[in-house]
Amino acid sequence: QVQLVESGGGLVQPGGSLRLSCAANGSIARTQFMGWFRQTPGNQRELGAAISGADRTTSGPPAGGRFTISRDNAKTAVYLQMNNLQPDDTGVYYCCYDPTIGGRIWGGGTQVTVSS
């Protein structure tokens, strides 16, 4: 069973940047989708950015050109670079992976707080 472990969250001032990391423990199919979702207070979980096995990237509504997703060469880790963060970006950020068999796997999340 693949487990995803996020890191890199924390407190940042408005206008600041964070780089989130997600490491996979277990066997990852390099052809599969990985992504970052977020859940802000009072809202449903929404897509931040995603990357396919062919390294095609997709940005979700909150990205606004500020989020960049990437993965390592072995494709067992995925990163989310977030720039110009604002208080509305405060929330829990989750990494996910779509295995070839079975449902989407989620990490436990990492808290991002944007505040002065």
C-alpha atoms as a PDB file:
ATOM      1  CA  GLN A   1       0.000   0.000   0.000  1.00  0.00           C
ATOM      2  CA  VAL A   2       1.439   3.329  -1.074  1.00  0.00           C
ATOM      3  CA  GLN A   3       1.646   6.027   1.569  1.00  0.00           C
ATOM      4  CA  LEU A   4       2.107   9.714   0.790  1.00  0.00           C
ATOM      5  CA  VAL A   5       3.843  12.038   3.230  1.00  0.00           C
ATOM      6  CA  GLU A   6       3.621  15.802   2.758  1.00  0.00           C
ATOM      7  CA  SER A   7       5.989  18.380   4.187  1.00  0.00           C
ATOM      8  CA  GLY A   8       6.895  22.024   3.735  1.00  0.00           C
ATOM      9  CA  GLY A   9       3.811  23.703   5.119  1.00  0.00           C
ATOM     10  CA  GLY A  10       3.968  26.404   7.754  1.00  0.00           C
ATOM     11  CA  LEU A  11       3.382  30.052   8.488  1.00  0.00           C
ATOM     12  CA  VAL A  12       4.234  32.611   5.812  1.00  0.00           C
ATOM     13  CA  GLN A  13       3.547  36.309   5.430  1.00  0.00           C
ATOM     14  CA  PRO A  14       1.327  37.619   2.621  1.00  0.00           C
ATOM     15  CA  GLY A  15       3.319  37.798  -0.588  1.00  0.00           C
ATOM     16  CA  GLY A  16       5.642  35.040   0.549  1.00  0.00           C
ATOM     17  CA  SER A  17       6.396  31.639  -0.947  1.00  0.00           C
ATOM     18  CA  LEU A  18       6.384  28.017   0.137  1.00  0.00           C
ATOM     19  CA  ARG A  19       7.487  24.800  -1.521  1.00  0.00           C
ATOM     20  CA  LEU A  20       5.524  21.731  -0.542  1.00  0.00           C
ATOM     21  CA  SER A  21       6.935  18.249  -0.946  1.00  0.00           C
ATOM     22  CA  CYS A  22       5.198  14.896  -1.169  1.00  0.00           C
ATOM     23  CA  ALA A  23       7.165  11.697  -0.890  1.00  0.00           C
ATOM     24  CA  ALA A  24       5.715   8.304  -1.726  1.00  0.00           C
ATOM     25  CA  ASN A  25       6.550   5.281   0.396  1.00  0.00           C
ATOM     26  CA  GLY A  26       5.906   2.227  -1.673  1.00  0.00           C
ATOM     27  CA  SER A  27       5.717   1.327  -5.325  1.00  0.00           C
ATOM     28  CA  ILE A  28       4.582   4.164  -7.561  1.00  0.00           C
ATOM     29  CA  ALA A  29       3.597   3.659 -11.179  1.00  0.00           C
ATOM     30  CA  ARG A  30       5.482   6.374 -13.018  1.00  0.00           C
ATOM     31  CA  THR A  31       2.745   6.675 -15.615  1.00  0.00           C
ATOM     32  CA  GLN A  32       0.124   7.794 -13.147  1.00  0.00           C
ATOM     33  CA  PHE A  33      -1.366  11.098 -12.096  1.00  0.00           C
ATOM     34  CA  MET A  34      -0.198  12.902  -8.977  1.00  0.00           C
ATOM     35  CA  GLY A  35      -1.542  16.156  -7.676  1.00  0.00           C
ATOM     36  CA  TRP A  36      -2.057  18.689  -4.955  1.00  0.00           C
ATOM     37  CA  PHE A  37      -5.465  19.649  -3.611  1.00  0.00           C
ATOM     38  CA  ARG A  38      -6.274  22.074  -0.868  1.00  0.00           C
ATOM     39  CA  GLN A  39      -9.110  22.611   1.566  1.00  0.00           C
ATOM     40  CA  THR A  40      -9.595  26.104   2.915  1.00  0.00           C
ATOM     41  CA  PRO A  41     -11.868  26.804   5.892  1.00  0.00           C
ATOM     42  CA  GLY A  42     -15.544  26.391   5.010  1.00  0.00           C
ATOM     43  CA  ASN A  43     -14.845  25.158   1.490  1.00  0.00           C
ATOM     44  CA  GLN A  44     -14.659  21.846  -0.312  1.00  0.00           C
ATOM     45  CA  ARG A  45     -11.376  20.327  -1.357  1.00  0.00           C
ATOM     46  CA  GLU A  46     -10.227  21.801  -4.667  1.00  0.00           C
ATOM     47  CA  LEU A  47      -7.460  21.148  -7.138  1.00  0.00           C
ATOM     48  CA  GLY A  48      -4.315  23.215  -6.815  1.00  0.00           C
ATOM     49  CA  ALA A  49      -2.253  21.579  -9.535  1.00  0.00           C
ATOM     50  CA  ALA A  50      -1.707  18.154 -11.049  1.00  0.00           C
ATOM     51  CA  ILE A  51       0.844  16.354 -13.179  1.00  0.00           C
ATOM     52  CA  SER A  52       0.404  13.338 -15.422  1.00  0.00           C
ATOM     53  CA  GLY A  53       2.779  10.488 -16.071  1.00  0.00           C
ATOM     54  CA  ALA A  54       3.791  12.287 -19.257  1.00  0.00           C
ATOM     55  CA  ASP A  55       4.586  15.362 -17.120  1.00  0.00           C
ATOM     56  CA  ARG A  56       1.687  17.380 -18.446  1.00  0.00           C
ATOM     57  CA  THR A  57       0.551  19.854 -15.818  1.00  0.00           C
ATOM     58  CA  THR A  58      -2.849  21.243 -14.981  1.00  0.00           C
ATOM     59  CA  SER A  59      -3.623  24.128 -12.648  1.00  0.00           C
ATOM     60  CA  GLY A  60      -6.775  24.475 -10.627  1.00  0.00           C
ATOM     61  CA  PRO A  61      -8.812  27.618  -9.935  1.00  0.00           C
ATOM     62  CA  PRO A  62      -6.792  28.870  -6.973  1.00  0.00           C
ATOM     63  CA  ALA A  63      -3.454  28.723  -8.780  1.00  0.00           C
ATOM     64  CA  GLY A  64      -3.806  31.931 -10.798  1.00  0.00           C
ATOM     65  CA  GLY A  65      -0.331  31.494 -12.243  1.00  0.00           C
ATOM     66  CA  ARG A  66       1.163  31.319  -8.752  1.00  0.00           C
ATOM     67  CA  PHE A  67       1.448  27.530  -8.309  1.00  0.00           C
ATOM     68  CA  THR A  68       3.913  25.292 -10.128  1.00  0.00           C
ATOM     69  CA  ILE A  69       3.878  21.529  -9.792  1.00  0.00           C
ATOM     70  CA  SER A  70       6.857  19.312 -10.574  1.00  0.00           C
ATOM     71  CA  ARG A  71       8.088  15.818  -9.862  1.00  0.00           C
ATOM     72  CA  ASP A  72      11.480  14.226  -9.400  1.00  0.00           C
ATOM     73  CA  ASN A  73      13.149  12.123 -12.087  1.00  0.00           C
ATOM     74  CA  ALA A  74      12.189   8.897 -10.379  1.00  0.00           C
ATOM     75  CA  LYS A  75       8.594  10.193 -10.240  1.00  0.00           C
ATOM     76  CA  THR A  76       8.166   9.111  -6.657  1.00  0.00           C
ATOM     77  CA  ALA A  77       7.973  12.644  -5.287  1.00  0.00           C
ATOM     78  CA  VAL A  78       5.961  15.659  -6.302  1.00  0.00           C
ATOM     79  CA  TYR A  79       6.431  19.288  -5.363  1.00  0.00           C
ATOM     80  CA  LEU A  80       4.265  22.388  -5.314  1.00  0.00           C
ATOM     81  CA  GLN A  81       5.934  25.773  -5.513  1.00  0.00           C
ATOM     82  CA  MET A  82       3.556  28.478  -4.348  1.00  0.00           C
ATOM     83  CA  ASN A  83       4.352  32.155  -4.799  1.00  0.00           C
ATOM     84  CA  ASN A  84       2.636  35.386  -3.773  1.00  0.00           C
ATOM     85  CA  LEU A  85       0.596  33.613  -1.129  1.00  0.00           C
ATOM     86  CA  GLN A  86      -2.369  35.447   0.334  1.00  0.00           C
ATOM     87  CA  PRO A  87      -4.490  34.902   3.455  1.00  0.00           C
ATOM     88  CA  ASP A  88      -7.166  33.182   1.317  1.00  0.00           C
ATOM     89  CA  ASP A  89      -4.604  30.476   0.560  1.00  0.00           C
ATOM     90  CA  THR A  90      -4.659  29.377   4.199  1.00  0.00           C
ATOM     91  CA  GLY A  91      -5.733  25.769   4.498  1.00  0.00           C
ATOM     92  CA  VAL A  92      -4.640  22.161   4.457  1.00  0.00           C
ATOM     93  CA  TYR A  93      -2.818  21.003   1.335  1.00  0.00           C
ATOM     94  CA  TYR A  94      -3.088  17.353   0.337  1.00  0.00           C
ATOM     95  CA  CYS A  95      -1.012  15.284  -2.031  1.00  0.00           C
ATOM     96  CA  CYS A  96      -2.720  12.543  -3.998  1.00  0.00           C
ATOM     97  CA  TYR A  97      -1.882   9.692  -6.353  1.00  0.00           C
ATOM     98  CA  ASP A  98      -4.042   7.660  -8.707  1.00  0.00           C
ATOM     99  CA  PRO A  99      -2.815   4.065  -8.794  1.00  0.00           C
ATOM    100  CA  THR A 100      -3.409   1.814 -11.789  1.00  0.00           C
ATOM    101  CA  ILE A 101      -5.718  -0.313  -9.643  1.00  0.00           C
ATOM    102  CA  GLY A 102      -7.914   0.997  -6.855  1.00  0.00           C
ATOM    103  CA  GLY A 103      -9.051   4.398  -5.747  1.00  0.00           C
ATOM    104  CA  ARG A 104      -7.150   7.640  -5.254  1.00  0.00           C
ATOM    105  CA  ILE A 105      -4.650   7.643  -2.407  1.00  0.00           C
ATOM    106  CA  TRP A 106      -4.345  10.739  -0.216  1.00  0.00           C
ATOM    107  CA  GLY A 107      -1.667  11.979   2.109  1.00  0.00           C
ATOM    108  CA  GLY A 108      -2.469  13.279   5.567  1.00  0.00           C
ATOM    109  CA  GLY A 109      -2.097  16.910   4.556  1.00  0.00           C
ATOM    110  CA  THR A 110       0.142  19.798   5.542  1.00  0.00           C
ATOM    111  CA  GLN A 111      -1.101  23.052   7.026  1.00  0.00           C
ATOM    112  CA  VAL A 112      -0.364  26.318   5.232  1.00  0.00           C
ATOM    113  CA  THR A 113      -1.112  29.533   7.095  1.00  0.00           C
ATOM    114  CA  VAL A 114      -0.713  32.917   5.425  1.00  0.00           C
ATOM    115  CA  SER A 115      -0.804  35.730   7.950  1.00  0.00           C
ATOM    116  CA  SER A 116       1.063  38.825   8.954  1.00  0.00           C
END
